[in-house]
Structure formats: C-alpha cells, structure tokens
Amino acid sequence: MNFAENNRISHRQLRRQIQLALAGPFLLCLVGNQGIFGLSGLAGTVVNLLILGIYTIFLIRLSDSYTDLVKTFGSFRGRMAGLLYVAYTILTASYLLWVIGKVVPESLLLGVPAWMVSLLAALVTSLGSHMGMQKRGRMAEVTCGIVLGGVLLLLVLGAFQGSADYLKEITAPDAFSWKETGRQTYYVFAGFFGLSLLPFLLKDVERPQSAGRAVFFSIALLDFILGAALLILPAVFGWDRMMAETYPILPMLAGANLPGDVLSRFDVIWLAFLLYSLLFAVGSMFYYGNRILESAHLFSGRFWMWILAWILSLEGIWGWNMGEVYFPALLYGFVPLGLLSQVAAGFLYKRRRTKKREKTGESI
C-alpha cells in the first residue's frame, strides 16, 4: 500500500518512519563498547529477527486495546500504564538530546555549549508534536530514502577501507559465547523497544492488521545496517580502537570520502544524515508521548514535555548524566514493565470481548 486515505498513513509511510527514527540512534548509540559488538552482537541481531517478528504480531493484535488505556485497564491502572510509556518517551528523548549535545560540539560546532545545542534541538523537535500523523508520514516518505541511502553509502565506503586481518580478531574461537550472545540479544531487543509504541499509532494506519510485513521489513533493514556496522567498524579500526571509542561510527565519517576527494569535509554530510535521524527520533518521542497522554485521559504534554526532557539531559547538575542512567533504566525497568503491561492488556482485552459476546448472546 503506497498511498493513504481518510487522514491515515500508508504502510510505506509507517515503514519509513520506523527506519528513519531508528537508523541514526542505532549507529551512534547501539554499536561499540556501550552496546553490542563482535560475533555475539552479530548473532544477537540475527536472533532478534525471529523474536521481533513474533513481537510485532503481538503488538498489532494489541492495537484495539491501546486506543483507550482507561477503557482497557480501568481508570487508575490505565493512567499508570500511560505514565509508564510517557516516562519511556521522555527519558528516551532526553537521552537522545544528551547524545546530540555530546556529538555536535565535538564534531560539528566546536565551542558551542552542549546545553544550547540540546535546547535548540528540543525546541525545534517539539514544534510538531501536536500535529497529525500524516505530516510525520509525509516527512519520512520524502527524507527517509535520502538518509538511508547516505547511511548505506557510508557503510559501503567504509568497507573498502577495512582490513581482513582485523576481522580475525572477532572471528577467533574465544570471541563467541552463548552467555554473551544472550545478553546482547536482549540489548538489541531493548534498542528496538520503541516498537512497543506501535499499538498507539496503528489506528492512524490504513489496514492496521496487515501492517506486519511493513514493520518486519523495517526491522530486517535495520538489523542489516547493525550487522554491517558490527563487521565494518572493527575491520576499519581494529578491535582495540573500536572498543576504545564511545561512538565508533564518528571516526569513520572522516575517512569515508568519495573517490577523488569531492569535498574536503564530506564527514559533515554523513553527520548531517545521522543528526537528522536523531532529531526525527526525538520528535517522534514527543509526538507519541502526547498520543499516550491522550489515550490515558491525561493532560497534554505539548508545552512541558520537551522542557522536562531537556532539563533531564543536562549534564553536571544532577550528579549523573543521562548516558549512565538511560540504558540501566531501559534494560531493567521499561522493557520488563512494558512487556508485563502488554501481556496484561492482551488478557484484559480478550476477557472484555468474551464478556461482550456472552452478553450479546444472552440478549439475543
């Protein structure tokens, strides 16, 4: 389905929103010593294809129960479930703002304070948080191909700089363990946990019950990008250099130039692609946060959500930074609690439908 009707987005627009929102954050934040690496990480991305395929089917079946959380869970529990997802969107946006505040002053605008960069990013991405889904769909449809094309070209050019000798370090017999594979599989799944917001937006997708193929295609492409980065980065830098870098994709930007040195600072273009993806992801968090508040019958977050996310992203005033807090909160808080709430929503919705059918049968 290429075109949408009745103020809904098409499957293609849904697919491109997912790809655009996750590609940049994955390459910057999920690959390297802070996330996944080596053969275990590569195996984790492959295993997640199956896990996330099943999870997507489960999420699509939940779409009706997440249209109105209060109706599904009840007044108190519905609002608590809504606040859980809103907290996830705010903390995720805050972490991405923190990353933007780190990357831009170091790689693009030297000397600009991180707080100013993250404030501008938060303000700009919040402006469309109250607008309809179709505007985001059209934005993704126009720009996703350009961004993903740039990312894939970056990986191709990086592959030509690699050395096969470096790859021996990650293919050694002791470089793989099942325990580490299990840990990194969960890590990749947590990275994809943004898909848990899918039930909140499927009511604005044409033929939502058949959207599974579009979502799975997005997962497969993002998995391919992750797997390619896991092989190319150590081949370019060697294992020790890759593990020493906080964001190993950034050093590769400077060397991934087109043949003939077309531009002296071609790395700025690569960085622009990644930053655009990051900004789209932040805007998505604000948008879906507002949708969740609406579903939970809570107040609008249009004017305060971005301010709270920006304040939480500031470093040095809390005694911690979001880079230290976010992944533990995601791995041990949001993912297990989110899965529990989704299982509960499935049972409650099924029980409610059963009672409705029984009542209808009695009245007949």
Foldseek 3Di string as FASTA:
>chain_A
DCQDDDQFGELQLVLLLLLLQQQLCCLFAADALNHDAFPLLLLLLVVVLVVVLVVLLLLLVLLVLLQAQCVLPNQPVSLVLLVLLLVLLLLVLLVLLLVQLVCCCVPPNPPDHSLVRSLVLLVVLLPCLPPGPVVSSVVSVVCSVVLVVLLVLLLVLLQVLFDPVLLCVRVDPVNDDPVSSVVNSLRVVLSVCVCSLVSLRLVRYPPSSPSSVSNSVSSVVSSVSSSSCNRRLCRNVHDVVRNVDSNSSLVSLQVSADPPCPDNPSSVVNVVSSVSSSSSNSSVSSNSSQSSCVSSVHDGCSPPSSVSSSVLQDPDPPVDHSSVVVPVCSSVNSVVVSVVVSVSSVVSVVVVVVVVVVVVVVVD
